[in-house]
Amino acid sequence: MSDLVQRKNVSDLIADKIKDYILEHGLKQGDRLPTEHELAERFGVSRISVREATKALGFLGIIDAAPRRGLTIGAVDMDRLSQYLGFHFAIAQYPFDQIIDARIAIEVGAVPRALKHIEADRSLYEQLTALTEKLSANAQTAEPEGPEEWIALDLEFHRVLLAASRLEPLLAFHDLLLIFFKRIRPDLSQHLRQRSAAEHQHILELISQQDVAGVQTQLRAHITGDGVQPSN
């Protein structure tokens, strides 16, 4: 084993120990950590290993290192974390049905809270309405760029709906899943886009009626590709 690999393994171990220290001592954002020297003595390793570990944690915003101020607990950069983990989702060979089920669990489970906040904040409903109208307009075009624009609009609709729940941890996990879906290029013929646009419209109508069970049923079917078409 090379010195570089061995040192990498040590720094990973120290990063885990630092995270354990943070949890065990109940440290919060802005709280100070021991110095690099103190951490090295505590864990019985070199300051170089500690520095490499704190740099890795600093990349995700867990630790903030500043001259003369030392090490403090930072604010996790969820955007960076999502991009970093999302790359893993994009290249991992997860079974498609597991990704679908995970998305259903997140989106459908958040519907009750989302509808509650949409009822209290009309602007959320207006955002969904605007996106639904754009999806309907897109479904009428046979232009080559239509499917690419559709993917962006579709994912934004679902993100706005989930964000309405104000459950930020769920939104972070959802963003990881959406990176996976951006990698997939399903059949987005004009016919299927028109069908999906009708499903979005039906979901919107159920939202306006504050029909929690109805939204959950239609959303689940929409995600799985078995959309329940509204009756005329």
Protein backbone atom coordinates (compact mmCIF):
# COMPACT_ATOMS: atom_id res chain seq x y z
CA MET A 1 0.00 0.00 0.00
CA SER A 2 1.46 3.36 -1.02
CA ASP A 3 2.04 6.12 1.53
CA LEU A 4 -0.52 8.26 -0.34
CA VAL A 5 -3.25 5.61 -0.10
CA GLN A 6 -2.43 4.88 3.53
CA ARG A 7 -2.54 8.59 4.38
CA LYS A 8 -5.86 8.88 2.54
CA ASN A 9 -7.31 6.06 4.62
CA VAL A 10 -6.09 7.72 7.81
CA SER A 11 -7.60 11.09 6.85
CA ASP A 12 -10.96 9.39 6.12
CA LEU A 13 -10.83 7.74 9.55
CA ILE A 14 -10.02 11.06 11.21
CA ALA A 15 -12.89 12.76 9.36
CA ASP A 16 -15.25 10.15 10.82
CA LYS A 17 -13.79 10.73 14.31
CA ILE A 18 -14.27 14.49 13.96
CA LYS A 19 -17.90 13.99 12.95
CA ASP A 20 -18.38 11.71 15.96
CA TYR A 21 -16.80 14.39 18.18
CA ILE A 22 -19.20 17.02 16.82
CA LEU A 23 -22.23 14.83 17.52
CA GLU A 24 -21.06 13.62 20.92
CA HIS A 25 -20.47 17.21 22.11
CA GLY A 26 -23.67 18.57 20.57
CA LEU A 27 -21.81 21.25 18.62
CA LYS A 28 -23.81 23.64 16.47
CA GLN A 29 -23.01 26.00 13.61
CA GLY A 30 -20.45 28.56 14.73
CA ASP A 31 -19.15 26.50 17.67
CA ARG A 32 -15.39 26.06 17.92
CA LEU A 33 -13.57 22.78 17.47
CA PRO A 34 -10.25 21.90 19.13
CA THR A 35 -7.19 23.08 17.22
CA GLU A 36 -5.46 20.86 14.66
CA HIS A 37 -2.72 20.21 17.23
CA GLU A 38 -5.26 19.21 19.89
CA LEU A 39 -7.13 16.94 17.46
CA ALA A 40 -3.87 15.30 16.38
CA GLU A 41 -3.01 14.55 20.00
CA ARG A 42 -6.54 13.34 20.77
CA PHE A 43 -6.58 10.90 17.85
CA GLY A 44 -2.88 9.98 17.95
CA VAL A 45 -2.14 11.04 14.36
CA SER A 46 -0.12 13.69 12.57
CA ARG A 47 -1.35 17.25 12.02
CA ILE A 48 -1.09 16.57 8.27
CA SER A 49 -3.72 13.83 8.56
CA VAL A 50 -5.96 16.11 10.60
CA ARG A 51 -5.55 18.93 8.06
CA GLU A 52 -6.49 16.62 5.18
CA ALA A 53 -9.56 15.46 7.11
CA THR A 54 -10.70 19.00 7.90
CA LYS A 55 -10.23 20.03 4.27
CA ALA A 56 -12.48 17.17 3.17
CA LEU A 57 -15.13 18.20 5.70
CA GLY A 58 -14.67 21.82 4.70
CA PHE A 59 -15.51 20.96 1.08
CA LEU A 60 -19.04 20.08 2.18
CA GLY A 61 -19.25 23.02 4.57
CA ILE A 62 -19.23 20.88 7.71
CA ILE A 63 -16.12 22.66 9.02
CA ASP A 64 -15.08 26.24 8.46
CA ALA A 65 -11.34 26.93 8.79
CA ALA A 66 -10.12 30.51 8.94
CA PRO A 67 -6.78 32.09 9.87
CA ARG A 68 -6.56 33.15 13.54
CA ARG A 69 -10.09 31.91 14.12
CA GLY A 70 -9.34 28.22 14.00
CA LEU A 71 -11.86 25.50 13.22
CA THR A 72 -15.58 26.11 13.66
CA ILE A 73 -18.74 24.23 12.69
CA GLY A 74 -19.94 25.52 9.34
CA ALA A 75 -23.19 25.45 7.43
CA VAL A 76 -23.44 22.41 5.16
CA ASP A 77 -23.53 23.50 1.53
CA MET A 78 -26.54 21.50 0.33
CA ASP A 79 -26.09 22.60 -3.30
CA ARG A 80 -22.53 21.32 -3.33
CA LEU A 81 -23.55 18.18 -1.48
CA SER A 82 -26.34 17.54 -3.99
CA GLN A 83 -23.97 17.97 -6.93
CA TYR A 84 -21.39 15.69 -5.34
CA LEU A 85 -23.79 12.91 -4.39
CA GLY A 86 -25.86 13.46 -7.52
CA PHE A 87 -22.86 12.48 -9.61
CA HIS A 88 -22.86 9.17 -7.76
CA PHE A 89 -26.57 8.71 -8.56
CA ALA A 90 -25.93 9.55 -12.20
CA ILE A 91 -23.31 6.85 -12.70
CA ALA A 92 -24.54 4.22 -10.23
CA GLN A 93 -26.43 1.23 -11.55
CA TYR A 94 -29.39 1.42 -9.20
CA PRO A 95 -32.41 -0.63 -10.34
CA PHE A 96 -34.85 1.76 -11.99
CA ASP A 97 -37.78 0.51 -9.92
CA GLN A 98 -35.92 1.42 -6.71
CA ILE A 99 -35.38 4.98 -7.93
CA ILE A 100 -39.05 5.23 -8.88
CA ASP A 101 -40.15 3.90 -5.48
CA ALA A 102 -37.83 6.33 -3.68
CA ARG A 103 -39.25 9.24 -5.66
CA ILE A 104 -42.82 8.12 -4.90
CA ALA A 105 -42.04 7.81 -1.19
CA ILE A 106 -40.69 11.36 -1.10
CA GLU A 107 -43.16 13.16 -3.34
CA VAL A 108 -46.37 11.36 -2.41
CA GLY A 109 -45.50 11.39 1.28
CA ALA A 110 -45.05 15.17 1.26
CA VAL A 111 -48.41 15.92 -0.39
CA PRO A 112 -50.44 16.62 2.81
CA ARG A 113 -47.98 19.27 3.99
CA ALA A 114 -47.57 20.68 0.49
CA LEU A 115 -51.31 21.19 0.01
CA LYS A 116 -51.59 22.79 3.43
CA HIS A 117 -49.00 25.42 2.52
CA ILE A 118 -50.37 25.89 -1.00
CA GLU A 119 -53.76 26.70 0.49
CA ALA A 120 -52.14 29.33 2.72
CA ASP A 121 -49.85 30.77 0.02
CA ARG A 122 -51.59 31.40 -3.31
CA SER A 123 -48.28 32.19 -5.04
CA LEU A 124 -47.31 28.51 -4.82
CA TYR A 125 -50.42 27.50 -6.73
CA GLU A 126 -49.73 30.21 -9.30
CA GLN A 127 -46.20 28.84 -9.85
CA LEU A 128 -47.62 25.38 -10.50
CA THR A 129 -50.26 26.83 -12.80
CA ALA A 130 -47.65 28.69 -14.85
CA LEU A 131 -45.56 25.54 -15.21
CA THR A 132 -48.62 23.49 -16.17
CA GLU A 133 -49.45 26.01 -18.90
CA LYS A 134 -45.89 25.85 -20.23
CA LEU A 135 -46.05 22.04 -20.24
CA SER A 136 -49.33 22.17 -22.18
CA ALA A 137 -47.81 24.59 -24.71
CA ASN A 138 -44.74 22.40 -25.07
CA ALA A 139 -46.91 19.34 -25.73
CA GLN A 140 -48.33 21.08 -28.80
CA THR A 141 -44.97 21.47 -30.50
CA ALA A 142 -43.12 18.89 -32.56
CA GLU A 143 -39.90 20.91 -32.55
CA PRO A 144 -36.69 18.92 -31.85
CA GLU A 145 -35.95 20.92 -28.69
CA GLY A 146 -39.41 20.15 -27.32
CA PRO A 147 -38.41 17.05 -25.27
CA GLU A 148 -35.39 18.79 -23.72
CA GLU A 149 -37.50 21.72 -22.59
CA TRP A 150 -40.17 19.30 -21.38
CA ILE A 151 -37.75 17.53 -19.03
CA ALA A 152 -36.75 20.84 -17.42
CA LEU A 153 -40.37 21.97 -17.01
CA ASP A 154 -41.54 18.60 -15.69
CA LEU A 155 -38.79 18.38 -13.07
CA GLU A 156 -39.42 21.98 -12.00
CA PHE A 157 -43.15 21.28 -11.52
CA HIS A 158 -42.38 18.37 -9.21
CA ARG A 159 -39.71 20.34 -7.36
CA VAL A 160 -42.06 23.28 -6.72
CA LEU A 161 -44.75 20.91 -5.45
CA LEU A 162 -42.33 19.21 -3.06
CA ALA A 163 -40.77 22.51 -1.97
CA ALA A 164 -44.25 23.64 -0.93
CA SER A 165 -44.05 21.06 1.87
CA ARG A 166 -41.16 23.08 3.34
CA LEU A 167 -39.40 19.86 4.24
CA GLU A 168 -35.90 20.89 3.19
CA PRO A 169 -34.19 17.56 3.98
CA LEU A 170 -36.64 15.78 1.65
CA LEU A 171 -36.03 18.38 -1.04
CA ALA A 172 -32.29 17.73 -0.85
CA PHE A 173 -32.78 13.98 -1.34
CA HIS A 174 -35.27 14.67 -4.13
CA ASP A 175 -32.73 16.82 -5.96
CA LEU A 176 -30.35 13.86 -5.96
CA LEU A 177 -32.99 11.67 -7.57
CA LEU A 178 -33.77 14.30 -10.20
CA ILE A 179 -30.14 14.22 -11.31
CA PHE A 180 -30.71 10.54 -12.07
CA PHE A 181 -33.82 11.36 -14.11
CA LYS A 182 -31.98 14.05 -16.08
CA ARG A 183 -29.62 11.31 -17.23
CA ILE A 184 -32.50 9.26 -18.61
CA ARG A 185 -33.97 10.17 -21.97
CA PRO A 186 -37.34 8.41 -22.15
CA ASP A 187 -39.64 8.40 -25.13
CA LEU A 188 -40.99 11.95 -25.12
CA SER A 189 -42.93 11.92 -28.35
CA GLN A 190 -45.50 14.63 -28.82
CA HIS A 191 -48.30 12.16 -28.07
CA LEU A 192 -46.80 11.14 -24.72
CA ARG A 193 -46.08 14.75 -23.81
CA GLN A 194 -49.72 15.58 -24.49
CA ARG A 195 -50.83 12.73 -22.26
CA SER A 196 -48.46 13.80 -19.51
CA ALA A 197 -49.61 17.42 -19.83
CA ALA A 198 -53.16 16.23 -19.18
CA GLU A 199 -51.93 14.39 -16.09
CA HIS A 200 -50.23 17.53 -14.80
CA GLN A 201 -53.42 19.49 -15.40
CA HIS A 202 -55.42 16.89 -13.49
CA ILE A 203 -52.96 17.03 -10.58
CA LEU A 204 -53.32 20.81 -10.56
CA GLU A 205 -57.12 20.56 -10.47
CA LEU A 206 -56.95 18.16 -7.53
CA ILE A 207 -54.58 20.54 -5.76
CA SER A 208 -57.04 23.39 -6.23
CA GLN A 209 -59.70 21.19 -4.60
CA GLN A 210 -57.35 20.35 -1.71
CA ASP A 211 -57.95 16.68 -2.48
CA VAL A 212 -54.98 15.11 -0.70
CA ALA A 213 -55.86 11.49 -1.50
CA GLY A 214 -56.64 12.36 -5.11
CA VAL A 215 -53.33 14.16 -5.60
CA GLN A 216 -51.44 11.26 -4.04
CA THR A 217 -53.15 8.70 -6.28
CA GLN A 218 -52.64 10.70 -9.47
CA LEU A 219 -49.06 11.66 -8.58
CA ARG A 220 -48.12 8.06 -7.89
CA ALA A 221 -49.61 6.93 -11.20
CA HIS A 222 -47.97 9.81 -13.04
CA ILE A 223 -44.50 8.96 -11.70
CA THR A 224 -44.85 5.27 -12.55
CA GLY A 225 -46.11 6.07 -16.04
CA ASP A 226 -49.62 4.77 -15.38
CA GLY A 227 -51.28 8.17 -15.17
CA VAL A 228 -54.95 8.19 -14.33
CA GLN A 229 -56.62 10.21 -17.03
CA PRO A 230 -59.26 12.68 -15.82
CA SER A 231 -62.83 11.82 -16.79
CA ASN A 232 -64.64 14.21 -19.10
